[in-house]
Amino acid sequence: MLAVVYAFENFRSYLIMNKSIMYTDHSALKYLFAKKDAKAHLLRWILLLQEFDFKVIDTRGAENYAADHLSRLEHPYENIFDPKEINETFPLESLNKVAHKDPSTPWFADLANYHAGNFIIKGM
């Protein structure tokens, strides 16, 4: 739930006037919108999410390809600890760097591999 709220807060300028569909295996999100007597911090999150026009589609983890790929991603440099500073900006230039060279490779696989270990597997 916190990840959904965080994403909507950070991408507010892109999502505020647009209809969007959220594919998630977090079925509790639908339950939370129907619940009237929630805790105070959950009610704040619900109020924040009600500003947006989005539809929640419950998707199993195996059918949600982007999340499934990210969860199975192996980090080849896991023994090397390289702390990175948390950067809350998301410039559009980083999206423009994604190249569609091989149509069989989904774009999120290249992006995830690059950010996880600074590498891209060709012909994955």
N, C-alpha and C. Protein backbone atom coordinates (compact mmCIF):
# COMPACT_ATOMS: atom_id res chain seq x y z
N MET A 1 0.82 -1.20 0.00
CA MET A 1 0.00 0.00 0.00
C MET A 1 0.87 1.26 0.00
N LEU A 2 1.92 1.23 0.80
CA LEU A 2 2.81 2.39 0.86
C LEU A 2 3.48 2.64 -0.49
N ALA A 3 3.82 1.58 -1.20
CA ALA A 3 4.44 1.74 -2.52
C ALA A 3 3.48 2.40 -3.50
N VAL A 4 2.22 2.06 -3.43
CA VAL A 4 1.22 2.66 -4.32
C VAL A 4 1.07 4.15 -4.00
N VAL A 5 0.97 4.47 -2.71
CA VAL A 5 0.84 5.87 -2.30
C VAL A 5 2.08 6.66 -2.71
N TYR A 6 3.25 6.07 -2.50
CA TYR A 6 4.51 6.73 -2.86
C TYR A 6 4.57 7.00 -4.37
N ALA A 7 4.16 6.02 -5.16
CA ALA A 7 4.18 6.19 -6.62
C ALA A 7 3.21 7.29 -7.06
N PHE A 8 2.02 7.30 -6.49
CA PHE A 8 1.06 8.33 -6.88
C PHE A 8 1.49 9.72 -6.42
N GLU A 9 2.15 9.81 -5.26
CA GLU A 9 2.66 11.11 -4.80
C GLU A 9 3.76 11.62 -5.73
N ASN A 10 4.68 10.74 -6.11
CA ASN A 10 5.81 11.17 -6.93
C ASN A 10 5.45 11.44 -8.38
N PHE A 11 4.47 10.72 -8.91
CA PHE A 11 4.06 10.91 -10.30
C PHE A 11 2.77 11.72 -10.40
N ARG A 12 2.48 12.51 -9.38
CA ARG A 12 1.25 13.29 -9.31
C ARG A 12 1.05 14.15 -10.56
N SER A 13 2.09 14.83 -11.00
CA SER A 13 1.94 15.74 -12.14
C SER A 13 1.59 14.99 -13.43
N TYR A 14 1.97 13.73 -13.53
CA TYR A 14 1.65 12.93 -14.72
C TYR A 14 0.26 12.29 -14.62
N LEU A 15 -0.20 12.03 -13.40
CA LEU A 15 -1.41 11.24 -13.21
C LEU A 15 -2.64 12.05 -12.83
N ILE A 16 -2.48 13.29 -12.43
CA ILE A 16 -3.58 14.03 -11.81
C ILE A 16 -4.78 14.23 -12.73
N MET A 17 -4.58 14.46 -14.01
CA MET A 17 -5.70 14.70 -14.92
C MET A 17 -5.90 13.55 -15.91
N ASN A 18 -5.26 12.43 -15.68
CA ASN A 18 -5.34 11.31 -16.61
C ASN A 18 -6.00 10.10 -15.96
N LYS A 19 -6.70 9.35 -16.76
CA LYS A 19 -7.22 8.08 -16.28
C LYS A 19 -6.10 7.06 -16.36
N SER A 20 -5.99 6.22 -15.35
CA SER A 20 -4.93 5.22 -15.35
C SER A 20 -5.46 3.91 -14.80
N ILE A 21 -4.77 2.84 -15.15
CA ILE A 21 -5.11 1.50 -14.69
C ILE A 21 -3.92 0.97 -13.91
N MET A 22 -4.18 0.47 -12.72
CA MET A 22 -3.11 -0.06 -11.88
C MET A 22 -3.30 -1.58 -11.78
N TYR A 23 -2.33 -2.31 -12.32
CA TYR A 23 -2.33 -3.76 -12.23
C TYR A 23 -1.52 -4.14 -11.00
N THR A 24 -2.15 -4.81 -10.06
CA THR A 24 -1.46 -5.15 -8.82
C THR A 24 -2.01 -6.45 -8.26
N ASP A 25 -1.19 -7.12 -7.47
CA ASP A 25 -1.67 -8.31 -6.77
C ASP A 25 -2.01 -7.95 -5.33
N HIS A 26 -2.21 -6.67 -5.08
CA HIS A 26 -2.53 -6.17 -3.76
C HIS A 26 -4.04 -6.01 -3.67
N SER A 27 -4.76 -7.12 -3.48
CA SER A 27 -6.22 -7.08 -3.46
C SER A 27 -6.77 -6.35 -2.25
N ALA A 28 -5.95 -6.14 -1.23
CA ALA A 28 -6.40 -5.40 -0.05
C ALA A 28 -6.70 -3.95 -0.38
N LEU A 29 -6.17 -3.46 -1.48
CA LEU A 29 -6.42 -2.08 -1.89
C LEU A 29 -7.90 -1.86 -2.19
N LYS A 30 -8.53 -2.81 -2.87
CA LYS A 30 -9.97 -2.71 -3.14
C LYS A 30 -10.77 -2.76 -1.84
N TYR A 31 -10.35 -3.63 -0.94
CA TYR A 31 -11.03 -3.76 0.35
C TYR A 31 -10.92 -2.46 1.15
N LEU A 32 -9.78 -1.83 1.10
CA LEU A 32 -9.54 -0.61 1.87
C LEU A 32 -10.43 0.54 1.41
N PHE A 33 -10.69 0.62 0.10
CA PHE A 33 -11.57 1.68 -0.38
C PHE A 33 -13.01 1.47 0.07
N ALA A 34 -13.41 0.24 0.30
CA ALA A 34 -14.77 -0.04 0.74
C ALA A 34 -14.91 0.08 2.26
N LYS A 35 -13.82 -0.01 2.98
CA LYS A 35 -13.86 0.02 4.45
C LYS A 35 -14.04 1.46 4.93
N LYS A 36 -14.95 1.66 5.88
CA LYS A 36 -15.25 3.00 6.36
C LYS A 36 -14.53 3.33 7.67
N ASP A 37 -14.19 2.34 8.47
CA ASP A 37 -13.60 2.59 9.79
C ASP A 37 -12.14 2.15 9.81
N ALA A 38 -11.31 2.83 9.05
CA ALA A 38 -9.89 2.50 8.98
C ALA A 38 -9.11 3.40 9.94
N LYS A 39 -7.85 3.07 10.14
CA LYS A 39 -6.96 3.88 10.98
C LYS A 39 -6.71 5.23 10.31
N ALA A 40 -6.20 6.17 11.09
CA ALA A 40 -6.03 7.55 10.60
C ALA A 40 -5.05 7.64 9.43
N HIS A 41 -3.91 6.94 9.53
CA HIS A 41 -2.94 7.05 8.43
C HIS A 41 -3.46 6.37 7.16
N LEU A 42 -4.26 5.32 7.30
CA LEU A 42 -4.85 4.69 6.12
C LEU A 42 -5.90 5.61 5.49
N LEU A 43 -6.65 6.32 6.33
CA LEU A 43 -7.62 7.27 5.80
C LEU A 43 -6.94 8.41 5.05
N ARG A 44 -5.77 8.85 5.53
CA ARG A 44 -5.02 9.89 4.81
C ARG A 44 -4.59 9.37 3.44
N TRP A 45 -4.14 8.13 3.39
CA TRP A 45 -3.73 7.54 2.12
C TRP A 45 -4.91 7.41 1.17
N ILE A 46 -6.06 7.01 1.71
CA ILE A 46 -7.26 6.87 0.88
C ILE A 46 -7.66 8.23 0.31
N LEU A 47 -7.63 9.26 1.15
CA LEU A 47 -7.96 10.60 0.66
C LEU A 47 -7.00 11.06 -0.42
N LEU A 48 -5.73 10.75 -0.26
CA LEU A 48 -4.75 11.12 -1.28
C LEU A 48 -5.03 10.39 -2.59
N LEU A 49 -5.33 9.10 -2.50
CA LEU A 49 -5.57 8.31 -3.71
C LEU A 49 -6.88 8.67 -4.40
N GLN A 50 -7.84 9.23 -3.64
CA GLN A 50 -9.11 9.61 -4.24
C GLN A 50 -8.99 10.82 -5.16
N GLU A 51 -7.87 11.52 -5.11
CA GLU A 51 -7.65 12.64 -6.02
C GLU A 51 -7.43 12.17 -7.46
N PHE A 52 -7.06 10.93 -7.62
CA PHE A 52 -6.69 10.40 -8.93
C PHE A 52 -7.82 9.57 -9.51
N ASP A 53 -7.87 9.53 -10.84
CA ASP A 53 -8.85 8.73 -11.55
C ASP A 53 -8.16 7.46 -12.03
N PHE A 54 -8.26 6.39 -11.24
CA PHE A 54 -7.59 5.15 -11.62
C PHE A 54 -8.48 3.96 -11.29
N LYS A 55 -8.19 2.89 -11.97
CA LYS A 55 -8.92 1.64 -11.80
C LYS A 55 -7.93 0.59 -11.33
N VAL A 56 -8.30 -0.19 -10.32
CA VAL A 56 -7.43 -1.23 -9.79
C VAL A 56 -7.85 -2.56 -10.41
N ILE A 57 -6.92 -3.22 -11.07
CA ILE A 57 -7.17 -4.55 -11.63
C ILE A 57 -6.28 -5.53 -10.88
N ASP A 58 -6.91 -6.48 -10.23
CA ASP A 58 -6.18 -7.47 -9.44
C ASP A 58 -5.54 -8.49 -10.39
N THR A 59 -4.22 -8.58 -10.35
CA THR A 59 -3.46 -9.46 -11.23
C THR A 59 -2.56 -10.35 -10.39
N ARG A 60 -2.57 -11.64 -10.67
CA ARG A 60 -1.67 -12.54 -9.96
C ARG A 60 -0.23 -12.16 -10.24
N GLY A 61 0.66 -12.52 -9.34
CA GLY A 61 2.06 -12.15 -9.48
C GLY A 61 2.70 -12.68 -10.75
N ALA A 62 2.36 -13.90 -11.17
CA ALA A 62 2.96 -14.49 -12.37
C ALA A 62 2.46 -13.79 -13.64
N GLU A 63 1.28 -13.20 -13.60
CA GLU A 63 0.75 -12.50 -14.76
C GLU A 63 1.24 -11.05 -14.84
N ASN A 64 1.72 -10.53 -13.74
CA ASN A 64 2.25 -9.17 -13.70
C ASN A 64 3.73 -9.24 -14.07
N TYR A 65 4.02 -9.17 -15.37
CA TYR A 65 5.35 -9.48 -15.88
C TYR A 65 6.45 -8.57 -15.35
N ALA A 66 6.17 -7.28 -15.22
CA ALA A 66 7.21 -6.35 -14.74
C ALA A 66 7.59 -6.68 -13.30
N ALA A 67 6.62 -6.85 -12.43
CA ALA A 67 6.91 -7.16 -11.04
C ALA A 67 7.53 -8.55 -10.91
N ASP A 68 7.07 -9.49 -11.74
CA ASP A 68 7.64 -10.83 -11.70
C ASP A 68 9.11 -10.81 -12.11
N HIS A 69 9.43 -10.05 -13.14
CA HIS A 69 10.83 -9.96 -13.58
C HIS A 69 11.70 -9.32 -12.50
N LEU A 70 11.21 -8.24 -11.90
CA LEU A 70 11.99 -7.56 -10.87
C LEU A 70 12.21 -8.45 -9.65
N SER A 71 11.23 -9.29 -9.31
CA SER A 71 11.39 -10.16 -8.15
C SER A 71 12.37 -11.30 -8.42
N ARG A 72 12.54 -11.68 -9.68
CA ARG A 72 13.46 -12.78 -10.02
C ARG A 72 14.84 -12.30 -10.45
N LEU A 73 15.04 -11.01 -10.48
CA LEU A 73 16.30 -10.45 -10.94
C LEU A 73 17.42 -10.79 -9.97
N GLU A 74 18.47 -11.38 -10.51
CA GLU A 74 19.63 -11.72 -9.69
C GLU A 74 20.64 -10.60 -9.77
N HIS A 75 21.21 -10.29 -8.64
CA HIS A 75 22.19 -9.21 -8.57
C HIS A 75 23.58 -9.84 -8.58
N PRO A 76 24.35 -9.65 -9.66
CA PRO A 76 25.66 -10.30 -9.74
C PRO A 76 26.69 -9.70 -8.77
N TYR A 77 26.42 -8.52 -8.25
CA TYR A 77 27.37 -7.86 -7.36
C TYR A 77 26.83 -7.80 -5.93
N GLU A 78 26.13 -8.85 -5.48
CA GLU A 78 25.48 -8.76 -4.18
C GLU A 78 26.47 -8.74 -3.01
N ASN A 79 27.70 -9.21 -3.18
CA ASN A 79 28.68 -9.18 -2.10
C ASN A 79 29.38 -7.84 -1.99
N ILE A 80 29.23 -7.00 -2.99
CA ILE A 80 29.85 -5.69 -2.99
C ILE A 80 28.79 -4.67 -2.58
N PHE A 81 29.01 -4.03 -1.44
CA PHE A 81 28.05 -3.05 -0.95
C PHE A 81 28.42 -1.68 -1.47
N ASP A 82 27.57 -1.12 -2.29
CA ASP A 82 27.80 0.20 -2.86
C ASP A 82 26.58 1.06 -2.53
N PRO A 83 26.63 1.79 -1.43
CA PRO A 83 25.45 2.59 -1.06
C PRO A 83 25.20 3.70 -2.07
N LYS A 84 23.95 3.83 -2.43
CA LYS A 84 23.57 4.88 -3.37
C LYS A 84 22.63 5.85 -2.65
N GLU A 85 22.76 7.09 -2.99
CA GLU A 85 21.91 8.10 -2.39
C GLU A 85 20.50 7.99 -2.98
N ILE A 86 19.50 8.15 -2.14
CA ILE A 86 18.12 8.09 -2.60
C ILE A 86 17.80 9.37 -3.35
N ASN A 87 17.35 9.21 -4.57
CA ASN A 87 17.04 10.35 -5.42
C ASN A 87 15.55 10.30 -5.74
N GLU A 88 14.81 11.29 -5.31
CA GLU A 88 13.37 11.28 -5.50
C GLU A 88 12.92 11.95 -6.79
N THR A 89 13.86 12.42 -7.59
CA THR A 89 13.49 13.02 -8.87
C THR A 89 13.45 11.92 -9.93
N PHE A 90 12.60 12.09 -10.88
CA PHE A 90 12.47 11.11 -11.95
C PHE A 90 12.43 11.88 -13.27
N PRO A 91 13.61 12.25 -13.79
CA PRO A 91 13.62 13.04 -15.03
C PRO A 91 13.17 12.21 -16.23
N LEU A 92 12.55 12.87 -17.16
CA LEU A 92 12.06 12.22 -18.36
C LEU A 92 13.20 11.68 -19.21
N GLU A 93 14.40 12.24 -19.06
CA GLU A 93 15.54 11.79 -19.86
C GLU A 93 15.87 10.32 -19.59
N SER A 94 15.64 9.85 -18.36
CA SER A 94 15.95 8.46 -18.06
C SER A 94 15.00 7.51 -18.79
N LEU A 95 13.78 7.95 -19.08
CA LEU A 95 12.87 7.12 -19.87
C LEU A 95 13.29 7.11 -21.34
N ASN A 96 13.85 8.21 -21.80
CA ASN A 96 14.25 8.29 -23.21
C ASN A 96 15.47 7.44 -23.51
N LYS A 97 16.21 7.00 -22.49
CA LYS A 97 17.40 6.19 -22.71
C LYS A 97 17.07 4.72 -23.00
N VAL A 98 15.83 4.33 -22.79
CA VAL A 98 15.43 2.95 -23.02
C VAL A 98 15.34 2.72 -24.53
N ALA A 99 16.12 1.78 -25.02
CA ALA A 99 16.16 1.51 -26.46
C ALA A 99 15.37 0.24 -26.77
N HIS A 100 14.63 0.24 -27.85
CA HIS A 100 13.85 -0.92 -28.29
C HIS A 100 14.58 -1.59 -29.45
N LYS A 101 15.73 -2.22 -29.16
CA LYS A 101 16.51 -2.85 -30.23
C LYS A 101 15.98 -4.23 -30.56
N ASP A 102 15.60 -4.98 -29.55
CA ASP A 102 15.10 -6.33 -29.75
C ASP A 102 13.63 -6.35 -29.31
N PRO A 103 12.68 -6.53 -30.25
CA PRO A 103 11.28 -6.47 -29.87
C PRO A 103 10.85 -7.60 -28.93
N SER A 104 11.62 -8.68 -28.84
CA SER A 104 11.23 -9.77 -27.95
C SER A 104 11.60 -9.46 -26.50
N THR A 105 12.51 -8.53 -26.27
CA THR A 105 12.90 -8.16 -24.92
C THR A 105 12.01 -7.04 -24.42
N PRO A 106 11.31 -7.25 -23.31
CA PRO A 106 10.47 -6.18 -22.79
C PRO A 106 11.34 -5.03 -22.29
N TRP A 107 10.84 -3.82 -22.41
CA TRP A 107 11.63 -2.64 -22.04
C TRP A 107 11.99 -2.64 -20.58
N PHE A 108 11.10 -3.16 -19.71
CA PHE A 108 11.37 -3.08 -18.28
C PHE A 108 12.51 -4.01 -17.87
N ALA A 109 12.78 -5.05 -18.66
CA ALA A 109 13.88 -5.95 -18.32
C ALA A 109 15.22 -5.24 -18.46
N ASP A 110 15.40 -4.50 -19.56
CA ASP A 110 16.64 -3.74 -19.74
C ASP A 110 16.80 -2.68 -18.66
N LEU A 111 15.73 -1.98 -18.36
CA LEU A 111 15.79 -0.92 -17.36
C LEU A 111 16.09 -1.48 -15.98
N ALA A 112 15.46 -2.59 -15.62
CA ALA A 112 15.69 -3.19 -14.31
C ALA A 112 17.12 -3.72 -14.19
N ASN A 113 17.60 -4.37 -15.22
CA ASN A 113 18.97 -4.89 -15.18
C ASN A 113 19.98 -3.76 -15.09
N TYR A 114 19.72 -2.68 -15.79
CA TYR A 114 20.67 -1.57 -15.77
C TYR A 114 20.73 -0.92 -14.39
N HIS A 115 19.57 -0.70 -13.79
CA HIS A 115 19.56 -0.05 -12.48
C HIS A 115 20.01 -0.98 -11.36
N ALA A 116 19.80 -2.27 -11.50
CA ALA A 116 20.21 -3.20 -10.44
C ALA A 116 21.71 -3.43 -10.44
N GLY A 117 22.31 -3.54 -11.59
CA GLY A 117 23.73 -3.86 -11.61
C GLY A 117 24.54 -3.16 -12.66
N ASN A 118 23.98 -2.13 -13.28
CA ASN A 118 24.66 -1.38 -14.34
C ASN A 118 25.08 -2.29 -15.50
N PHE A 119 24.21 -3.20 -15.89
CA PHE A 119 24.48 -4.06 -17.04
C PHE A 119 23.19 -4.30 -17.79
N ILE A 120 23.30 -4.63 -19.06
CA ILE A 120 22.16 -5.01 -19.88
C ILE A 120 22.50 -6.32 -20.55
N ILE A 121 21.63 -7.31 -20.41
CA ILE A 121 21.84 -8.61 -21.03
C ILE A 121 21.28 -8.56 -22.44
N LYS A 122 22.12 -8.75 -23.42
CA LYS A 122 21.68 -8.73 -24.81
C LYS A 122 21.04 -10.07 -25.17
N GLY A 123 19.92 -10.01 -25.87
CA GLY A 123 19.24 -11.21 -26.33
C GLY A 123 18.61 -12.02 -25.23
N MET A 124 18.13 -11.37 -24.18
CA MET A 124 17.53 -12.07 -23.05
C MET A 124 16.21 -12.67 -23.45
